[in-house]
Each structure stands twice: as C-alpha cells, then as structure tokens.
C-alpha cells in the first residue's frame, strides 16, 4: 500500500511541531533537533517538517512512499511514463533514513520523489540544491538533488 509524502520547510520547528501534533492528533514518530515526521494512518501520509539548513519555508517536495521493492518498481514505471526527466538517485541517506529513490518534476516544477525506506540513519543526509525546480525557489531543499539539465528548461 502506498503512502503520500509531504515535506514542509518551517521557520520555527517547535511551534510547527505543536501545530501539526494538534492537527494530526498525535506527536511525531521521529523528532530530531532539525526535523520531525508523522506517520499518520488517517489520512495515510508521511508528513515531515525540517528547519535550518535543510529547508526553505513552504512545501519542499511531495512524494509517494512504497512498502516494498516491487511496489517501487511499479511507481518507477509511472515516473518514466510521465515523459519527464527522471533522476534515479538509488540508495541514499535522507531525513534520518536509508532509502532507495528517484525524483521527477512536474511541468510546473513541483518536485516529486518515489521511495522505499529500508532503514534508519543517525544523520540527516546530504541536502543537494534543488535550484529553479522548487515550488518556492528554495536554494537548500531537503534531500532533493538537482534534476538533469533537460528538466531545468521546463520552468522557463
């Protein structure tokens, strides 16, 4: 079963944790000095926030999280069918987790990731620059690598 992923950059992590904990009716399942994540079942979403060097305020990226390798291959096939450049990042450390992932940007520059998380990590991971593909023109987006040059032309 797939789960929607939303990652939001926030200015004040503690205030945002208080807000989203009230909104979701539960505290975060992961909490670090610069990051928090809720694995909510209703609605089924992996909702994360980060602050500091990892984020610019606003939506960082959206994604589809899967539960196993075959499901990830199915979603990867959908990315390829979307006729947009796909960055196949592969195995990576991001947001205190070990994952396998690929990235794509929609025609308006909204970045999506497709990923399978297969373990925890003790570090946040690298935060490659997103550049002009970000919805909010973030210079330092969480875990979002720059997409291939062909994708950059999409956003004029």
C-alpha atoms as a PDB file:
ATOM      1  CA  UNK A   1       0.000   0.000   0.000  1.00  0.00           C
ATOM      2  CA  UNK A   2       1.330   3.407  -0.938  1.00  0.00           C
ATOM      3  CA  UNK A   3       1.509   6.466   1.304  1.00  0.00           C
ATOM      4  CA  UNK A   4       1.547  10.135   0.275  1.00  0.00           C
ATOM      5  CA  UNK A   5       4.649  12.012   1.434  1.00  0.00           C
ATOM      6  CA  UNK A   6       4.698  15.764   2.082  1.00  0.00           C
ATOM      7  CA  UNK A   7       7.781  17.648   3.308  1.00  0.00           C
ATOM      8  CA  UNK A   8       7.422  21.239   4.521  1.00  0.00           C
ATOM      9  CA  UNK A   9      10.204  23.645   5.491  1.00  0.00           C
ATOM     10  CA  UNK A  10       9.423  25.637   8.635  1.00  0.00           C
ATOM     11  CA  UNK A  11      10.937  28.644  10.385  1.00  0.00           C
ATOM     12  CA  UNK A  12      10.266  27.527  13.976  1.00  0.00           C
ATOM     13  CA  UNK A  13      10.408  23.758  14.458  1.00  0.00           C
ATOM     14  CA  UNK A  14       8.958  23.718  17.990  1.00  0.00           C
ATOM     15  CA  UNK A  15       5.956  25.887  17.079  1.00  0.00           C
ATOM     16  CA  UNK A  16       5.341  23.782  13.981  1.00  0.00           C
ATOM     17  CA  UNK A  17       5.601  20.520  15.938  1.00  0.00           C
ATOM     18  CA  UNK A  18       2.980  21.873  18.348  1.00  0.00           C
ATOM     19  CA  UNK A  19       0.709  22.889  15.442  1.00  0.00           C
ATOM     20  CA  UNK A  20       0.988  19.660  13.436  1.00  0.00           C
ATOM     21  CA  UNK A  21       0.690  17.483  16.551  1.00  0.00           C
ATOM     22  CA  UNK A  22      -2.615  19.202  17.300  1.00  0.00           C
ATOM     23  CA  UNK A  23      -3.717  18.946  13.664  1.00  0.00           C
ATOM     24  CA  UNK A  24      -2.933  15.218  13.417  1.00  0.00           C
ATOM     25  CA  UNK A  25      -3.997  14.430  16.994  1.00  0.00           C
ATOM     26  CA  UNK A  26      -0.638  12.817  17.805  1.00  0.00           C
ATOM     27  CA  UNK A  27       3.007  13.697  18.249  1.00  0.00           C
ATOM     28  CA  UNK A  28       5.729  12.993  15.712  1.00  0.00           C
ATOM     29  CA  UNK A  29       7.036   9.453  15.272  1.00  0.00           C
ATOM     30  CA  UNK A  30      10.539  10.862  14.654  1.00  0.00           C
ATOM     31  CA  UNK A  31      11.880  14.022  16.281  1.00  0.00           C
ATOM     32  CA  UNK A  32      15.374  15.449  15.852  1.00  0.00           C
ATOM     33  CA  UNK A  33      16.813  18.917  16.519  1.00  0.00           C
ATOM     34  CA  UNK A  34      16.070  19.997  12.922  1.00  0.00           C
ATOM     35  CA  UNK A  35      13.408  17.531  11.759  1.00  0.00           C
ATOM     36  CA  UNK A  36      10.118  15.860  12.715  1.00  0.00           C
ATOM     37  CA  UNK A  37       7.986  13.241  10.961  1.00  0.00           C
ATOM     38  CA  UNK A  38       4.464  11.923  11.473  1.00  0.00           C
ATOM     39  CA  UNK A  39       3.403   8.577  10.002  1.00  0.00           C
ATOM     40  CA  UNK A  40      -0.339   9.218  10.013  1.00  0.00           C
ATOM     41  CA  UNK A  41      -2.796   6.442   9.154  1.00  0.00           C
ATOM     42  CA  UNK A  42      -5.871   8.610   8.542  1.00  0.00           C
ATOM     43  CA  UNK A  43      -5.180  10.114   6.096  1.00  0.00           C
ATOM     44  CA  UNK A  44      -2.349   7.757   5.154  1.00  0.00           C
ATOM     45  CA  UNK A  45       0.559  10.214   4.903  1.00  0.00           C
ATOM     46  CA  UNK A  46       4.247  10.510   5.752  1.00  0.00           C
ATOM     47  CA  UNK A  47       4.324  14.185   6.776  1.00  0.00           C
ATOM     48  CA  UNK A  48       7.724  15.705   7.565  1.00  0.00           C
ATOM     49  CA  UNK A  49       8.969  19.143   8.550  1.00  0.00           C
ATOM     50  CA  UNK A  50      12.506  20.461   8.759  1.00  0.00           C
ATOM     51  CA  UNK A  51      14.242  23.706   9.621  1.00  0.00           C
ATOM     52  CA  UNK A  52      17.656  25.290   9.401  1.00  0.00           C
ATOM     53  CA  UNK A  53      19.976  24.479   6.527  1.00  0.00           C
ATOM     54  CA  UNK A  54      17.702  21.694   5.318  1.00  0.00           C
ATOM     55  CA  UNK A  55      14.725  23.799   4.348  1.00  0.00           C
ATOM     56  CA  UNK A  56      13.239  26.950   2.951  1.00  0.00           C
ATOM     57  CA  UNK A  57       9.793  27.817   4.272  1.00  0.00           C
ATOM     58  CA  UNK A  58       6.941  26.172   2.406  1.00  0.00           C
ATOM     59  CA  UNK A  59       6.495  22.941   0.521  1.00  0.00           C
ATOM     60  CA  UNK A  60       9.869  21.329  -0.100  1.00  0.00           C
ATOM     61  CA  UNK A  61       8.623  18.392  -2.157  1.00  0.00           C
ATOM     62  CA  UNK A  62       5.917  15.769  -2.408  1.00  0.00           C
ATOM     63  CA  UNK A  63       6.301  12.060  -2.806  1.00  0.00           C
ATOM     64  CA  UNK A  64       4.953   8.555  -2.931  1.00  0.00           C
ATOM     65  CA  UNK A  65       6.330   6.164  -0.319  1.00  0.00           C
ATOM     66  CA  UNK A  66       6.001   2.455  -1.006  1.00  0.00           C
ATOM     67  CA  UNK A  67       6.273  -0.568   1.251  1.00  0.00           C
ATOM     68  CA  UNK A  68       8.450  -2.897  -0.835  1.00  0.00           C
ATOM     69  CA  UNK A  69      10.741  -3.211  -3.847  1.00  0.00           C
ATOM     70  CA  UNK A  70       8.148  -4.469  -6.359  1.00  0.00           C
ATOM     71  CA  UNK A  71       5.840  -1.558  -5.499  1.00  0.00           C
ATOM     72  CA  UNK A  72       8.764   0.838  -6.001  1.00  0.00           C
ATOM     73  CA  UNK A  73       9.404  -0.622  -9.451  1.00  0.00           C
ATOM     74  CA  UNK A  74       5.724  -0.084 -10.299  1.00  0.00           C
ATOM     75  CA  UNK A  75       5.917   3.588  -9.297  1.00  0.00           C
ATOM     76  CA  UNK A  76       9.242   3.998 -11.150  1.00  0.00           C
ATOM     77  CA  UNK A  77       7.436   2.778 -14.278  1.00  0.00           C
ATOM     78  CA  UNK A  78       4.841   5.512 -13.779  1.00  0.00           C
ATOM     79  CA  UNK A  79       7.569   8.143 -13.489  1.00  0.00           C
ATOM     80  CA  UNK A  80       9.050   7.021 -16.793  1.00  0.00           C
ATOM     81  CA  UNK A  81       5.606   7.071 -18.441  1.00  0.00           C
ATOM     82  CA  UNK A  82       5.186  10.733 -17.419  1.00  0.00           C
ATOM     83  CA  UNK A  83       7.609  11.792 -20.188  1.00  0.00           C
ATOM     84  CA  UNK A  84       9.741  13.968 -17.910  1.00  0.00           C
ATOM     85  CA  UNK A  85      13.407  13.553 -16.986  1.00  0.00           C
ATOM     86  CA  UNK A  86      13.817  11.182 -14.040  1.00  0.00           C
ATOM     87  CA  UNK A  87      16.782  11.321 -11.694  1.00  0.00           C
ATOM     88  CA  UNK A  88      17.396   7.808 -10.403  1.00  0.00           C
ATOM     89  CA  UNK A  89      19.207   8.544  -7.156  1.00  0.00           C
ATOM     90  CA  UNK A  90      19.283   4.936  -5.960  1.00  0.00           C
ATOM     91  CA  UNK A  91      20.362   4.102  -2.412  1.00  0.00           C
ATOM     92  CA  UNK A  92      20.751   7.207  -0.255  1.00  0.00           C
ATOM     93  CA  UNK A  93      20.618   8.635   3.244  1.00  0.00           C
ATOM     94  CA  UNK A  94      17.984  11.324   3.615  1.00  0.00           C
ATOM     95  CA  UNK A  95      15.921  12.677   6.501  1.00  0.00           C
ATOM     96  CA  UNK A  96      17.458  10.264   9.030  1.00  0.00           C
ATOM     97  CA  UNK A  97      16.526   7.258   6.876  1.00  0.00           C
ATOM     98  CA  UNK A  98      18.123   4.833   4.415  1.00  0.00           C
ATOM     99  CA  UNK A  99      16.101   4.797   1.213  1.00  0.00           C
ATOM    100  CA  UNK A 100      16.025   3.887  -2.448  1.00  0.00           C
ATOM    101  CA  UNK A 101      14.571   6.737  -4.508  1.00  0.00           C
ATOM    102  CA  UNK A 102      14.075   8.575  -7.762  1.00  0.00           C
ATOM    103  CA  UNK A 103      12.960  12.142  -8.455  1.00  0.00           C
ATOM    104  CA  UNK A 104      10.862  13.897 -11.105  1.00  0.00           C
ATOM    105  CA  UNK A 105       9.492  17.429 -11.560  1.00  0.00           C
ATOM    106  CA  UNK A 106       6.046  18.113 -12.982  1.00  0.00           C
ATOM    107  CA  UNK A 107       5.682  20.573 -15.896  1.00  0.00           C
ATOM    108  CA  UNK A 108       5.374  23.471 -13.419  1.00  0.00           C
ATOM    109  CA  UNK A 109       8.466  22.492 -11.438  1.00  0.00           C
ATOM    110  CA  UNK A 110       6.819  20.755  -8.461  1.00  0.00           C
ATOM    111  CA  UNK A 111       9.293  18.074  -7.383  1.00  0.00           C
ATOM    112  CA  UNK A 112       8.114  14.561  -6.505  1.00  0.00           C
ATOM    113  CA  UNK A 113      10.083  11.659  -5.099  1.00  0.00           C
ATOM    114  CA  UNK A 114       9.239   7.974  -5.244  1.00  0.00           C
ATOM    115  CA  UNK A 115      10.918   5.999  -2.487  1.00  0.00           C
ATOM    116  CA  UNK A 116      11.185   2.903  -0.345  1.00  0.00           C
ATOM    117  CA  UNK A 117      12.650   3.372   3.140  1.00  0.00           C
ATOM    118  CA  UNK A 118      14.575   0.330   4.305  1.00  0.00           C
ATOM    119  CA  UNK A 119      16.246   1.547   7.497  1.00  0.00           C
ATOM    120  CA  UNK A 120      17.042   4.363   9.876  1.00  0.00           C
ATOM    121  CA  UNK A 121      20.104   6.629   9.838  1.00  0.00           C
ATOM    122  CA  UNK A 122      21.804   8.639  12.557  1.00  0.00           C
ATOM    123  CA  UNK A 123      22.429  11.595  10.235  1.00  0.00           C
ATOM    124  CA  UNK A 124      20.102  13.793   8.197  1.00  0.00           C
ATOM    125  CA  UNK A 125      21.978  13.092   4.980  1.00  0.00           C
ATOM    126  CA  UNK A 126      23.148  15.316   2.181  1.00  0.00           C
ATOM    127  CA  UNK A 127      20.898  18.147   1.098  1.00  0.00           C
ATOM    128  CA  UNK A 128      21.699  18.763  -2.558  1.00  0.00           C
ATOM    129  CA  UNK A 129      20.406  22.002  -4.012  1.00  0.00           C
ATOM    130  CA  UNK A 130      17.089  21.970  -5.811  1.00  0.00           C
ATOM    131  CA  UNK A 131      17.613  25.154  -7.783  1.00  0.00           C
ATOM    132  CA  UNK A 132      14.902  26.562 -10.038  1.00  0.00           C
ATOM    133  CA  UNK A 133      12.721  23.428  -9.923  1.00  0.00           C
ATOM    134  CA  UNK A 134      11.457  24.111  -6.402  1.00  0.00           C
ATOM    135  CA  UNK A 135       7.932  25.384  -5.956  1.00  0.00           C
ATOM    136  CA  UNK A 136       9.316  28.180  -3.797  1.00  0.00           C
ATOM    137  CA  UNK A 137      12.722  28.582  -5.483  1.00  0.00           C
ATOM    138  CA  UNK A 138      14.494  27.143  -2.457  1.00  0.00           C
ATOM    139  CA  UNK A 139      18.247  27.198  -2.589  1.00  0.00           C
ATOM    140  CA  UNK A 140      18.719  24.447   0.007  1.00  0.00           C
ATOM    141  CA  UNK A 141      15.884  21.946  -0.172  1.00  0.00           C
ATOM    142  CA  UNK A 142      15.838  18.775   1.885  1.00  0.00           C
ATOM    143  CA  UNK A 143      17.379  15.813   0.196  1.00  0.00           C
ATOM    144  CA  UNK A 144      16.271  16.986  -3.241  1.00  0.00           C
ATOM    145  CA  UNK A 145      19.013  16.638  -5.842  1.00  0.00           C
ATOM    146  CA  UNK A 146      19.286  18.893  -8.855  1.00  0.00           C
ATOM    147  CA  UNK A 147      17.471  17.255 -11.740  1.00  0.00           C
ATOM    148  CA  UNK A 148      19.108  16.711 -15.129  1.00  0.00           C
ATOM    149  CA  UNK A 149      19.593  19.771 -17.355  1.00  0.00           C
ATOM    150  CA  UNK A 150      16.705  18.717 -19.588  1.00  0.00           C
ATOM    151  CA  UNK A 151      14.324  19.220 -16.675  1.00  0.00           C
ATOM    152  CA  UNK A 152      15.577  22.725 -15.918  1.00  0.00           C
ATOM    153  CA  UNK A 153      14.172  24.092 -19.169  1.00  0.00           C
ATOM    154  CA  UNK A 154      10.667  23.151 -18.114  1.00  0.00           C
ATOM    155  CA  UNK A 155      10.232  26.051 -15.776  1.00  0.00           C
ATOM    156  CA  UNK A 156      11.253  28.921 -18.035  1.00  0.00           C
END
